[in-house]
Amino acid sequence: MNRLLVLVEGQTEERFIKEVVQPHLWSSNVSAEPKIVMTKRVIGASSHKGGGDFGKAHADILRLLADTNAVAVSTFFDFYGFPKSLPGAGPDTFQDIDKLTAAIEATVSNPRFKAYLQKHEFEAFLFVDPQTTAVVAMQPDRAAALAAHRNGFTSAEDINLGPETAPSKRIASTMGRYSKLLTGPVAAQRIGIQRLRADCPRFDTWMSWAESLG
């Protein structure tokens, strides 16, 4: 089976790759193996104000590429709050997910590497089916309020109008208590990868690429 190594931000993304992505890819003869960034708080929460250090994540990517038994290496990072430390990238790069993805790939410069940034956050998946998300979070009475956040957007990936309206912020303001690690992967699994792909075109494109590795 062909091995795909996926560098992820944390335990939620690790579980998502293991429990949702990996089982689907087995039928394509691909084994997706998540690897959490070795240096904590490199990508993610600490970088939501423009901090963080991509250089350390870059080192992890190169380390994974050194594994010649893997056919490819990818990332699964949030676009929202990506560190502003990418070499040679101008301010406009961090406002455009396609430009940022291309800049990451240019920095790594390896044909076995493909960058993937989740638009805008992992939590976008949870708006594909607000009812399921609310039930998994044991707050079924908040389903309608969650669904209201989804209205007006073409896809779940488009939900984000600013720092205070990112998907995670919308969930927190609606549900109060919420565990990303406990709710996120389970809700995504129950929603199902086909529905996630149907409502999240960038994710669908990445999955199609992963399937092509088989």
N, C-alpha and C. Protein backbone atom coordinates (compact mmCIF):
# COMPACT_ATOMS: atom_id res chain seq x y z
N MET A 1 0.85 -1.20 0.00
CA MET A 1 0.00 0.00 0.00
C MET A 1 0.88 1.25 0.00
N ASN A 2 0.53 2.23 -0.81
CA ASN A 2 1.33 3.45 -0.93
C ASN A 2 1.08 4.38 0.26
N ARG A 3 2.16 4.84 0.86
CA ARG A 3 2.07 5.66 2.08
C ARG A 3 2.07 7.15 1.75
N LEU A 4 1.09 7.84 2.30
CA LEU A 4 1.00 9.29 2.22
C LEU A 4 1.16 9.84 3.63
N LEU A 5 2.21 10.63 3.86
CA LEU A 5 2.44 11.22 5.17
C LEU A 5 1.82 12.61 5.19
N VAL A 6 1.01 12.87 6.21
CA VAL A 6 0.29 14.14 6.30
C VAL A 6 0.68 14.87 7.58
N LEU A 7 1.34 16.00 7.44
CA LEU A 7 1.72 16.79 8.61
C LEU A 7 0.51 17.61 9.07
N VAL A 8 0.13 17.43 10.32
CA VAL A 8 -1.09 18.06 10.84
C VAL A 8 -0.77 18.95 12.04
N GLU A 9 -1.74 19.82 12.37
CA GLU A 9 -1.55 20.78 13.45
C GLU A 9 -1.62 20.16 14.84
N GLY A 10 -2.54 19.23 15.03
CA GLY A 10 -2.74 18.71 16.37
C GLY A 10 -3.54 17.44 16.40
N GLN A 11 -4.04 17.10 17.58
CA GLN A 11 -4.71 15.81 17.77
C GLN A 11 -6.04 15.71 17.03
N THR A 12 -6.75 16.82 16.89
CA THR A 12 -8.02 16.77 16.17
C THR A 12 -7.80 16.37 14.73
N GLU A 13 -6.84 17.03 14.07
CA GLU A 13 -6.55 16.72 12.69
C GLU A 13 -5.96 15.32 12.55
N GLU A 14 -5.18 14.91 13.55
CA GLU A 14 -4.63 13.56 13.54
C GLU A 14 -5.75 12.53 13.55
N ARG A 15 -6.73 12.72 14.42
CA ARG A 15 -7.86 11.80 14.48
C ARG A 15 -8.67 11.84 13.19
N PHE A 16 -8.84 13.02 12.63
CA PHE A 16 -9.61 13.14 11.39
C PHE A 16 -8.97 12.35 10.27
N ILE A 17 -7.66 12.47 10.13
CA ILE A 17 -6.97 11.71 9.08
C ILE A 17 -7.09 10.22 9.34
N LYS A 18 -6.89 9.80 10.59
CA LYS A 18 -6.94 8.38 10.93
C LYS A 18 -8.34 7.78 10.79
N GLU A 19 -9.34 8.52 11.23
CA GLU A 19 -10.68 7.95 11.36
C GLU A 19 -11.60 8.24 10.17
N VAL A 20 -11.28 9.26 9.39
CA VAL A 20 -12.15 9.62 8.27
C VAL A 20 -11.44 9.47 6.92
N VAL A 21 -10.27 10.07 6.79
CA VAL A 21 -9.56 10.05 5.51
C VAL A 21 -8.94 8.69 5.23
N GLN A 22 -8.21 8.16 6.20
CA GLN A 22 -7.48 6.92 5.98
C GLN A 22 -8.36 5.74 5.55
N PRO A 23 -9.46 5.46 6.24
CA PRO A 23 -10.30 4.33 5.82
C PRO A 23 -10.82 4.48 4.39
N HIS A 24 -11.12 5.71 3.99
CA HIS A 24 -11.60 5.92 2.62
C HIS A 24 -10.51 5.63 1.60
N LEU A 25 -9.28 6.03 1.89
CA LEU A 25 -8.20 5.88 0.92
C LEU A 25 -7.70 4.45 0.78
N TRP A 26 -8.01 3.60 1.74
CA TRP A 26 -7.57 2.21 1.63
C TRP A 26 -8.03 1.58 0.33
N SER A 27 -9.23 1.90 -0.11
CA SER A 27 -9.75 1.30 -1.35
C SER A 27 -8.98 1.78 -2.58
N SER A 28 -8.21 2.85 -2.43
CA SER A 28 -7.36 3.35 -3.51
C SER A 28 -5.91 2.89 -3.35
N ASN A 29 -5.70 1.97 -2.39
CA ASN A 29 -4.37 1.45 -2.10
C ASN A 29 -3.43 2.53 -1.57
N VAL A 30 -4.00 3.43 -0.78
CA VAL A 30 -3.23 4.50 -0.17
C VAL A 30 -3.45 4.48 1.34
N SER A 31 -2.37 4.58 2.09
CA SER A 31 -2.45 4.66 3.55
C SER A 31 -2.02 6.06 3.98
N ALA A 32 -2.98 6.85 4.47
CA ALA A 32 -2.68 8.21 4.93
C ALA A 32 -2.25 8.16 6.39
N GLU A 33 -1.04 8.60 6.67
CA GLU A 33 -0.49 8.54 8.02
C GLU A 33 -0.28 9.95 8.56
N PRO A 34 -1.07 10.37 9.55
CA PRO A 34 -0.89 11.72 10.11
C PRO A 34 0.32 11.81 11.01
N LYS A 35 1.00 12.93 10.93
CA LYS A 35 2.16 13.22 11.78
C LYS A 35 1.98 14.62 12.35
N ILE A 36 1.91 14.72 13.67
CA ILE A 36 1.73 16.02 14.30
C ILE A 36 3.04 16.80 14.28
N VAL A 37 2.96 18.09 14.01
CA VAL A 37 4.17 18.92 14.00
C VAL A 37 4.93 18.71 15.30
N MET A 38 6.25 18.54 15.19
CA MET A 38 7.04 18.19 16.36
C MET A 38 7.14 19.33 17.36
N THR A 39 7.21 20.56 16.85
CA THR A 39 7.30 21.71 17.74
C THR A 39 5.91 22.25 17.99
N LYS A 40 5.45 22.20 19.22
CA LYS A 40 4.10 22.63 19.54
C LYS A 40 3.92 24.12 19.25
N ARG A 41 2.69 24.47 18.90
CA ARG A 41 2.28 25.85 18.68
C ARG A 41 3.07 26.51 17.56
N VAL A 42 3.42 25.73 16.54
CA VAL A 42 4.06 26.28 15.35
C VAL A 42 3.01 26.81 14.39
N ILE A 43 1.99 25.98 14.18
CA ILE A 43 0.87 26.34 13.32
C ILE A 43 -0.37 26.31 14.20
N GLY A 44 -1.30 27.19 13.96
CA GLY A 44 -2.56 27.08 14.70
C GLY A 44 -2.79 28.21 15.67
N ALA A 45 -3.33 27.86 16.86
CA ALA A 45 -3.83 28.88 17.79
C ALA A 45 -2.83 29.98 18.07
N SER A 46 -1.57 29.63 18.29
CA SER A 46 -0.59 30.65 18.65
C SER A 46 -0.33 31.60 17.50
N SER A 47 -0.63 31.18 16.28
CA SER A 47 -0.32 32.01 15.12
C SER A 47 -1.51 32.79 14.61
N HIS A 48 -2.63 32.76 15.32
CA HIS A 48 -3.82 33.45 14.84
C HIS A 48 -3.68 34.96 14.80
N LYS A 49 -2.63 35.49 15.41
CA LYS A 49 -2.38 36.93 15.34
C LYS A 49 -1.14 37.20 14.49
N GLY A 50 -0.82 36.23 13.62
CA GLY A 50 0.31 36.43 12.73
C GLY A 50 1.62 35.92 13.27
N GLY A 51 1.61 35.22 14.39
CA GLY A 51 2.84 34.69 14.96
C GLY A 51 3.16 33.34 14.38
N GLY A 52 3.78 32.50 15.19
CA GLY A 52 4.12 31.18 14.70
C GLY A 52 5.38 31.21 13.87
N ASP A 53 5.86 30.04 13.51
CA ASP A 53 7.11 29.95 12.78
C ASP A 53 7.01 28.83 11.76
N PHE A 54 6.82 29.19 10.49
CA PHE A 54 6.71 28.17 9.46
C PHE A 54 8.02 27.43 9.29
N GLY A 55 9.14 28.08 9.62
CA GLY A 55 10.43 27.43 9.45
C GLY A 55 10.53 26.10 10.16
N LYS A 56 9.91 26.02 11.33
CA LYS A 56 9.94 24.77 12.09
C LYS A 56 9.05 23.71 11.44
N ALA A 57 7.91 24.14 10.91
CA ALA A 57 7.05 23.20 10.19
C ALA A 57 7.76 22.74 8.91
N HIS A 58 8.48 23.66 8.29
CA HIS A 58 9.25 23.32 7.09
C HIS A 58 10.25 22.22 7.39
N ALA A 59 10.89 22.30 8.54
CA ALA A 59 11.85 21.27 8.94
C ALA A 59 11.15 19.92 9.10
N ASP A 60 9.94 19.93 9.63
CA ASP A 60 9.18 18.69 9.76
C ASP A 60 8.83 18.11 8.40
N ILE A 61 8.46 18.99 7.46
CA ILE A 61 8.13 18.54 6.10
C ILE A 61 9.34 17.87 5.46
N LEU A 62 10.49 18.50 5.59
CA LEU A 62 11.71 17.92 5.01
C LEU A 62 12.06 16.59 5.67
N ARG A 63 11.81 16.51 6.97
CA ARG A 63 12.07 15.24 7.68
C ARG A 63 11.17 14.14 7.12
N LEU A 64 9.91 14.45 6.86
CA LEU A 64 8.99 13.45 6.32
C LEU A 64 9.38 13.08 4.89
N LEU A 65 9.83 14.05 4.12
CA LEU A 65 10.24 13.77 2.75
C LEU A 65 11.47 12.87 2.70
N ALA A 66 12.23 12.84 3.78
CA ALA A 66 13.42 11.98 3.85
C ALA A 66 13.04 10.51 3.93
N ASP A 67 11.77 10.24 4.25
CA ASP A 67 11.28 8.86 4.29
C ASP A 67 10.98 8.43 2.86
N THR A 68 11.91 7.74 2.25
CA THR A 68 11.77 7.37 0.84
C THR A 68 10.75 6.27 0.62
N ASN A 69 10.24 5.68 1.69
CA ASN A 69 9.19 4.67 1.55
C ASN A 69 7.80 5.30 1.39
N ALA A 70 7.72 6.61 1.54
CA ALA A 70 6.45 7.32 1.37
C ALA A 70 6.39 7.87 -0.06
N VAL A 71 5.25 7.69 -0.72
CA VAL A 71 5.13 8.17 -2.10
C VAL A 71 4.91 9.67 -2.15
N ALA A 72 4.36 10.24 -1.06
CA ALA A 72 4.08 11.67 -1.06
C ALA A 72 3.96 12.19 0.37
N VAL A 73 4.13 13.50 0.50
CA VAL A 73 3.96 14.19 1.78
C VAL A 73 3.04 15.38 1.55
N SER A 74 2.15 15.61 2.49
CA SER A 74 1.24 16.75 2.38
C SER A 74 1.08 17.40 3.75
N THR A 75 0.36 18.50 3.77
CA THR A 75 0.03 19.18 5.02
C THR A 75 -1.48 19.20 5.19
N PHE A 76 -1.92 19.38 6.42
CA PHE A 76 -3.34 19.63 6.69
C PHE A 76 -3.37 20.71 7.77
N PHE A 77 -3.18 21.96 7.32
CA PHE A 77 -3.14 23.12 8.20
C PHE A 77 -4.33 24.03 7.90
N ASP A 78 -4.73 24.81 8.88
CA ASP A 78 -5.76 25.81 8.66
C ASP A 78 -5.18 26.99 7.88
N PHE A 79 -5.98 27.51 6.95
CA PHE A 79 -5.61 28.74 6.25
C PHE A 79 -5.69 29.92 7.21
N TYR A 80 -6.73 29.92 8.04
CA TYR A 80 -6.92 31.00 9.01
C TYR A 80 -5.76 31.03 10.00
N GLY A 81 -5.11 32.17 10.10
CA GLY A 81 -4.04 32.32 11.07
C GLY A 81 -2.72 31.69 10.70
N PHE A 82 -2.52 31.37 9.41
CA PHE A 82 -1.26 30.75 9.03
C PHE A 82 -0.11 31.71 9.36
N PRO A 83 1.02 31.20 9.88
CA PRO A 83 2.14 32.06 10.26
C PRO A 83 2.60 32.97 9.12
N LYS A 84 2.97 34.18 9.47
CA LYS A 84 3.40 35.17 8.48
C LYS A 84 4.91 35.10 8.23
N SER A 85 5.52 33.97 8.57
CA SER A 85 6.98 33.86 8.48
C SER A 85 7.46 33.10 7.25
N LEU A 86 6.60 32.92 6.26
CA LEU A 86 6.99 32.18 5.06
C LEU A 86 7.98 33.01 4.25
N PRO A 87 9.16 32.47 3.95
CA PRO A 87 10.19 33.24 3.24
C PRO A 87 9.70 33.75 1.88
N GLY A 88 9.96 35.02 1.62
CA GLY A 88 9.67 35.59 0.31
C GLY A 88 8.21 35.88 0.03
N ALA A 89 7.34 35.66 0.99
CA ALA A 89 5.91 35.87 0.77
C ALA A 89 5.52 37.30 1.16
N GLY A 90 4.82 37.99 0.25
CA GLY A 90 4.35 39.34 0.55
C GLY A 90 3.06 39.30 1.33
N PRO A 91 2.63 40.45 1.85
CA PRO A 91 1.40 40.51 2.67
C PRO A 91 0.17 39.97 1.95
N ASP A 92 0.09 40.20 0.63
CA ASP A 92 -1.09 39.75 -0.10
C ASP A 92 -1.16 38.23 -0.19
N THR A 93 -0.01 37.57 -0.06
CA THR A 93 0.03 36.10 -0.14
C THR A 93 -0.84 35.48 0.93
N PHE A 94 -0.84 36.08 2.11
CA PHE A 94 -1.55 35.49 3.25
C PHE A 94 -3.05 35.78 3.22
N GLN A 95 -3.48 36.54 2.21
CA GLN A 95 -4.91 36.81 2.04
C GLN A 95 -5.53 35.93 0.96
N ASP A 96 -4.70 35.19 0.25
CA ASP A 96 -5.16 34.38 -0.89
C ASP A 96 -4.70 32.94 -0.69
N ILE A 97 -5.64 32.04 -0.50
CA ILE A 97 -5.28 30.66 -0.18
C ILE A 97 -4.51 29.98 -1.31
N ASP A 98 -4.83 30.33 -2.56
CA ASP A 98 -4.11 29.72 -3.68
C ASP A 98 -2.67 30.22 -3.75
N LYS A 99 -2.48 31.52 -3.53
CA LYS A 99 -1.13 32.07 -3.53
C LYS A 99 -0.30 31.49 -2.39
N LEU A 100 -0.93 31.36 -1.23
CA LEU A 100 -0.20 30.83 -0.07
C LEU A 100 0.17 29.37 -0.27
N THR A 101 -0.75 28.59 -0.81
CA THR A 101 -0.46 27.19 -1.09
C THR A 101 0.71 27.06 -2.06
N ALA A 102 0.68 27.88 -3.13
CA ALA A 102 1.75 27.85 -4.12
C ALA A 102 3.08 28.28 -3.50
N ALA A 103 3.03 29.26 -2.60
CA ALA A 103 4.26 29.74 -1.95
C ALA A 103 4.87 28.67 -1.05
N ILE A 104 4.02 27.93 -0.35
CA ILE A 104 4.51 26.84 0.50
C ILE A 104 5.19 25.78 -0.36
N GLU A 105 4.54 25.42 -1.47
CA GLU A 105 5.11 24.39 -2.35
C GLU A 105 6.42 24.87 -2.97
N ALA A 106 6.49 26.16 -3.30
CA ALA A 106 7.73 26.70 -3.87
C ALA A 106 8.85 26.69 -2.84
N THR A 107 8.51 26.94 -1.58
CA THR A 107 9.51 26.92 -0.51
C THR A 107 10.06 25.52 -0.29
N VAL A 108 9.17 24.54 -0.29
CA VAL A 108 9.59 23.15 -0.08
C VAL A 108 10.30 22.60 -1.32
N SER A 109 9.74 22.92 -2.48
CA SER A 109 10.35 22.58 -3.77
C SER A 109 10.74 21.10 -3.87
N ASN A 110 9.74 20.25 -3.79
CA ASN A 110 9.96 18.81 -3.93
C ASN A 110 8.76 18.22 -4.65
N PRO A 111 8.96 17.45 -5.72
CA PRO A 111 7.83 16.92 -6.49
C PRO A 111 6.95 15.95 -5.71
N ARG A 112 7.43 15.43 -4.59
CA ARG A 112 6.63 14.52 -3.78
C ARG A 112 5.79 15.25 -2.75
N PHE A 113 5.89 16.58 -2.72
CA PHE A 113 5.16 17.36 -1.72
C PHE A 113 3.99 18.12 -2.33
N LYS A 114 2.86 18.06 -1.63
CA LYS A 114 1.69 18.87 -2.02
C LYS A 114 1.13 19.53 -0.76
N ALA A 115 1.07 20.84 -0.78
CA ALA A 115 0.52 21.57 0.37
C ALA A 115 -1.00 21.55 0.32
N TYR A 116 -1.61 21.40 1.49
CA TYR A 116 -3.06 21.55 1.60
C TYR A 116 -3.37 22.43 2.79
N LEU A 117 -4.16 23.46 2.55
CA LEU A 117 -4.65 24.34 3.61
C LEU A 117 -6.16 24.22 3.67
N GLN A 118 -6.67 23.98 4.85
CA GLN A 118 -8.11 23.86 5.05
C GLN A 118 -8.72 25.26 5.05
N LYS A 119 -9.67 25.49 4.20
CA LYS A 119 -10.36 26.78 4.11
C LYS A 119 -11.64 26.73 4.94
N HIS A 120 -11.74 27.58 5.96
CA HIS A 120 -10.71 28.44 6.55
C HIS A 120 -10.11 27.75 7.77
N GLU A 121 -10.87 26.82 8.32
CA GLU A 121 -10.44 26.04 9.48
C GLU A 121 -11.03 24.64 9.41
N PHE A 122 -10.48 23.75 10.23
CA PHE A 122 -11.05 22.40 10.34
C PHE A 122 -12.54 22.48 10.65
N GLU A 123 -12.92 23.44 11.50
CA GLU A 123 -14.32 23.53 11.95
C GLU A 123 -15.31 23.79 10.83
N ALA A 124 -14.82 24.16 9.64
CA ALA A 124 -15.74 24.33 8.51
C ALA A 124 -16.51 23.04 8.25
N PHE A 125 -15.85 21.90 8.46
CA PHE A 125 -16.52 20.61 8.25
C PHE A 125 -17.78 20.47 9.10
N LEU A 126 -17.76 21.08 10.27
CA LEU A 126 -18.86 20.89 11.21
C LEU A 126 -20.12 21.64 10.78
N PHE A 127 -19.97 22.55 9.81
CA PHE A 127 -21.13 23.28 9.29
C PHE A 127 -21.74 22.58 8.08
N VAL A 128 -21.15 21.49 7.64
CA VAL A 128 -21.76 20.71 6.56
C VAL A 128 -23.09 20.14 7.03
N ASP A 129 -23.14 19.75 8.29
CA ASP A 129 -24.39 19.25 8.88
C ASP A 129 -24.47 19.73 10.33
N PRO A 130 -25.00 20.93 10.54
CA PRO A 130 -25.09 21.48 11.90
C PRO A 130 -25.89 20.60 12.86
N GLN A 131 -26.88 19.89 12.35
CA GLN A 131 -27.68 19.03 13.21
C GLN A 131 -26.82 17.93 13.82
N THR A 132 -26.03 17.27 12.98
CA THR A 132 -25.14 16.21 13.46
C THR A 132 -24.12 16.77 14.44
N THR A 133 -23.56 17.92 14.12
CA THR A 133 -22.58 18.54 15.01
C THR A 133 -23.18 18.83 16.38
N ALA A 134 -24.37 19.38 16.40
CA ALA A 134 -25.03 19.71 17.67
C ALA A 134 -25.33 18.47 18.48
N VAL A 135 -25.74 17.41 17.82
CA VAL A 135 -26.06 16.16 18.51
C VAL A 135 -24.79 15.56 19.11
N VAL A 136 -23.71 15.52 18.33
CA VAL A 136 -22.45 14.96 18.83
C VAL A 136 -21.94 15.78 20.01
N ALA A 137 -22.13 17.08 19.96
CA ALA A 137 -21.69 17.96 21.05
C ALA A 137 -22.65 17.93 22.23
N MET A 138 -23.68 17.10 22.13
CA MET A 138 -24.69 16.95 23.17
C MET A 138 -25.42 18.27 23.46
N GLN A 139 -25.62 19.02 22.38
CA GLN A 139 -26.39 20.26 22.46
C GLN A 139 -27.36 20.33 21.28
N PRO A 140 -28.24 19.36 21.13
CA PRO A 140 -29.13 19.32 19.97
C PRO A 140 -30.01 20.56 19.84
N ASP A 141 -30.25 21.24 20.94
CA ASP A 141 -31.08 22.44 20.90
C ASP A 141 -30.37 23.61 20.21
N ARG A 142 -29.08 23.48 19.94
CA ARG A 142 -28.33 24.56 19.28
C ARG A 142 -28.19 24.34 17.78
N ALA A 143 -28.81 23.29 17.25
CA ALA A 143 -28.68 22.96 15.83
C ALA A 143 -29.15 24.09 14.93
N ALA A 144 -30.31 24.65 15.23
CA ALA A 144 -30.85 25.72 14.38
C ALA A 144 -29.95 26.95 14.40
N ALA A 145 -29.41 27.27 15.57
CA ALA A 145 -28.51 28.43 15.67
C ALA A 145 -27.23 28.20 14.88
N LEU A 146 -26.72 26.97 14.91
CA LEU A 146 -25.54 26.65 14.10
C LEU A 146 -25.86 26.76 12.62
N ALA A 147 -27.02 26.24 12.24
CA ALA A 147 -27.42 26.26 10.83
C ALA A 147 -27.55 27.69 10.31
N ALA A 148 -27.93 28.61 11.18
CA ALA A 148 -28.08 30.01 10.78
C ALA A 148 -26.75 30.59 10.31
N HIS A 149 -25.65 30.12 10.90
CA HIS A 149 -24.32 30.59 10.48
C HIS A 149 -23.99 30.10 9.07
N ARG A 150 -24.53 28.95 8.71
CA ARG A 150 -24.25 28.35 7.39
C ARG A 150 -25.01 29.07 6.29
N ASN A 151 -26.15 29.64 6.60
CA ASN A 151 -26.97 30.32 5.60
C ASN A 151 -26.21 31.49 4.96
N GLY A 152 -26.35 31.62 3.67
CA GLY A 152 -25.73 32.74 2.97
C GLY A 152 -24.37 32.44 2.39
N PHE A 153 -23.83 31.26 2.65
CA PHE A 153 -22.53 30.88 2.11
C PHE A 153 -22.70 29.76 1.08
N THR A 154 -21.97 29.86 -0.01
CA THR A 154 -22.07 28.86 -1.07
C THR A 154 -21.65 27.49 -0.59
N SER A 155 -20.57 27.44 0.19
CA SER A 155 -20.10 26.17 0.74
C SER A 155 -19.65 26.39 2.17
N ALA A 156 -19.51 25.29 2.89
CA ALA A 156 -19.04 25.39 4.28
C ALA A 156 -17.64 25.99 4.34
N GLU A 157 -16.85 25.78 3.29
CA GLU A 157 -15.49 26.32 3.25
C GLU A 157 -15.47 27.85 3.21
N ASP A 158 -16.56 28.46 2.78
CA ASP A 158 -16.59 29.91 2.63
C ASP A 158 -16.91 30.65 3.93
N ILE A 159 -17.26 29.92 4.97
CA ILE A 159 -17.68 30.56 6.22
C ILE A 159 -16.48 31.21 6.90
N ASN A 160 -16.40 32.54 6.80
CA ASN A 160 -15.35 33.30 7.47
C ASN A 160 -15.41 34.73 6.97
N LEU A 161 -15.72 35.65 7.83
CA LEU A 161 -15.78 37.06 7.44
C LEU A 161 -14.83 37.92 8.26
N GLY A 162 -14.01 37.30 9.08
CA GLY A 162 -13.08 38.06 9.91
C GLY A 162 -12.65 37.27 11.12
N PRO A 163 -11.71 37.82 11.90
CA PRO A 163 -11.17 37.12 13.07
C PRO A 163 -12.22 36.66 14.07
N GLU A 164 -13.31 37.41 14.19
CA GLU A 164 -14.33 37.04 15.17
C GLU A 164 -15.44 36.20 14.58
N THR A 165 -15.36 35.93 13.28
CA THR A 165 -16.43 35.15 12.64
C THR A 165 -15.88 33.92 11.92
N ALA A 166 -14.68 33.50 12.28
CA ALA A 166 -14.14 32.25 11.75
C ALA A 166 -15.02 31.11 12.25
N PRO A 167 -15.01 29.96 11.57
CA PRO A 167 -15.88 28.85 11.99
C PRO A 167 -15.78 28.50 13.47
N SER A 168 -14.57 28.44 14.01
CA SER A 168 -14.41 28.07 15.42
C SER A 168 -15.04 29.11 16.34
N LYS A 169 -14.93 30.39 15.95
CA LYS A 169 -15.51 31.46 16.77
C LYS A 169 -17.03 31.40 16.73
N ARG A 170 -17.58 31.05 15.59
CA ARG A 170 -19.04 30.93 15.47
C ARG A 170 -19.56 29.78 16.34
N ILE A 171 -18.83 28.67 16.32
CA ILE A 171 -19.24 27.53 17.15
C ILE A 171 -19.16 27.90 18.63
N ALA A 172 -18.07 28.53 19.02
CA ALA A 172 -17.90 28.90 20.43
C ALA A 172 -18.99 29.87 20.89
N SER A 173 -19.33 30.84 20.04
CA SER A 173 -20.33 31.82 20.44
C SER A 173 -21.73 31.22 20.49
N THR A 174 -21.94 30.15 19.73
CA THR A 174 -23.26 29.53 19.67
C THR A 174 -23.44 28.45 20.72
N MET A 175 -22.36 27.69 20.97
CA MET A 175 -22.48 26.52 21.83
C MET A 175 -21.83 26.70 23.20
N GLY A 176 -21.02 27.73 23.34
CA GLY A 176 -20.35 27.92 24.63
C GLY A 176 -19.33 26.82 24.86
N ARG A 177 -19.68 25.84 25.64
CA ARG A 177 -18.74 24.74 25.89
C ARG A 177 -18.63 23.88 24.62
N TYR A 178 -17.43 23.63 24.22
CA TYR A 178 -17.21 22.87 22.99
C TYR A 178 -15.79 22.35 22.99
N SER A 179 -15.64 21.05 22.76
CA SER A 179 -14.33 20.44 22.67
C SER A 179 -14.06 20.06 21.22
N LYS A 180 -13.13 20.75 20.60
CA LYS A 180 -12.78 20.46 19.22
C LYS A 180 -12.32 19.01 19.07
N LEU A 181 -11.48 18.55 20.01
CA LEU A 181 -10.93 17.20 19.93
C LEU A 181 -12.00 16.14 20.08
N LEU A 182 -12.95 16.35 21.00
CA LEU A 182 -13.97 15.34 21.25
C LEU A 182 -15.10 15.38 20.23
N THR A 183 -15.46 16.57 19.79
CA THR A 183 -16.60 16.71 18.89
C THR A 183 -16.21 16.64 17.42
N GLY A 184 -15.12 17.31 17.05
CA GLY A 184 -14.76 17.45 15.65
C GLY A 184 -14.64 16.17 14.85
N PRO A 185 -13.74 15.26 15.21
CA PRO A 185 -13.57 14.04 14.42
C PRO A 185 -14.81 13.16 14.40
N VAL A 186 -15.52 13.07 15.52
CA VAL A 186 -16.72 12.23 15.59
C VAL A 186 -17.81 12.79 14.69
N ALA A 187 -18.03 14.11 14.76
CA ALA A 187 -19.04 14.73 13.92
C ALA A 187 -18.69 14.56 12.44
N ALA A 188 -17.42 14.77 12.09
CA ALA A 188 -17.00 14.62 10.70
C ALA A 188 -17.21 13.19 10.21
N GLN A 189 -16.92 12.23 11.07
CA GLN A 189 -17.10 10.83 10.70
C GLN A 189 -18.57 10.51 10.48
N ARG A 190 -19.44 11.02 11.34
CA ARG A 190 -20.87 10.76 11.19
C ARG A 190 -21.46 11.47 9.97
N ILE A 191 -20.97 12.66 9.70
CA ILE A 191 -21.43 13.38 8.51
C ILE A 191 -21.05 12.59 7.26
N GLY A 192 -19.86 12.03 7.27
CA GLY A 192 -19.41 11.18 6.16
C GLY A 192 -18.56 11.92 5.16
N ILE A 193 -17.54 11.24 4.67
CA ILE A 193 -16.58 11.89 3.80
C ILE A 193 -17.19 12.34 2.48
N GLN A 194 -18.19 11.62 1.99
CA GLN A 194 -18.80 12.02 0.72
C GLN A 194 -19.52 13.36 0.85
N ARG A 195 -20.20 13.59 1.95
CA ARG A 195 -20.87 14.87 2.16
C ARG A 195 -19.87 15.98 2.42
N LEU A 196 -18.79 15.66 3.12
CA LEU A 196 -17.74 16.65 3.33
C LEU A 196 -17.16 17.09 1.99
N ARG A 197 -16.92 16.14 1.12
CA ARG A 197 -16.35 16.45 -0.19
C ARG A 197 -17.33 17.24 -1.05
N ALA A 198 -18.59 16.90 -0.96
CA ALA A 198 -19.60 17.58 -1.78
C ALA A 198 -19.74 19.05 -1.41
N ASP A 199 -19.55 19.36 -0.13
CA ASP A 199 -19.76 20.74 0.34
C ASP A 199 -18.45 21.51 0.50
N CYS A 200 -17.33 20.83 0.33
CA CYS A 200 -16.02 21.47 0.53
C CYS A 200 -15.13 21.18 -0.68
N PRO A 201 -15.25 21.98 -1.74
CA PRO A 201 -14.56 21.67 -3.00
C PRO A 201 -13.04 21.60 -2.91
N ARG A 202 -12.43 22.43 -2.08
CA ARG A 202 -10.96 22.36 -1.95
C ARG A 202 -10.56 21.03 -1.32
N PHE A 203 -11.30 20.63 -0.31
CA PHE A 203 -11.02 19.34 0.32
C PHE A 203 -11.23 18.21 -0.67
N ASP A 204 -12.26 18.32 -1.49
CA ASP A 204 -12.54 17.29 -2.49
C ASP A 204 -11.38 17.17 -3.48
N THR A 205 -10.84 18.30 -3.89
CA THR A 205 -9.70 18.27 -4.82
C THR A 205 -8.50 17.59 -4.19
N TRP A 206 -8.25 17.89 -2.92
CA TRP A 206 -7.13 17.25 -2.22
C TRP A 206 -7.35 15.74 -2.09
N MET A 207 -8.57 15.35 -1.79
CA MET A 207 -8.87 13.92 -1.68
C MET A 207 -8.68 13.22 -3.02
N SER A 208 -9.07 13.87 -4.11
CA SER A 208 -8.90 13.27 -5.44
C SER A 208 -7.41 13.07 -5.73
N TRP A 209 -6.60 14.06 -5.34
CA TRP A 209 -5.15 13.91 -5.51
C TRP A 209 -4.64 12.73 -4.69
N ALA A 210 -5.09 12.62 -3.44
CA ALA A 210 -4.64 11.53 -2.58
C ALA A 210 -5.03 10.18 -3.17
N GLU A 211 -6.23 10.10 -3.71
CA GLU A 211 -6.69 8.85 -4.34
C GLU A 211 -5.81 8.49 -5.53
N SER A 212 -5.32 9.50 -6.23
CA SER A 212 -4.51 9.25 -7.43
C SER A 212 -3.14 8.66 -7.12
N LEU A 213 -2.76 8.66 -5.84
CA LEU A 213 -1.46 8.11 -5.45
C LEU A 213 -1.46 6.59 -5.44
N GLY A 214 -2.64 5.99 -5.49
CA GLY A 214 -2.76 4.54 -5.41
C GLY A 214 -2.37 3.83 -6.71
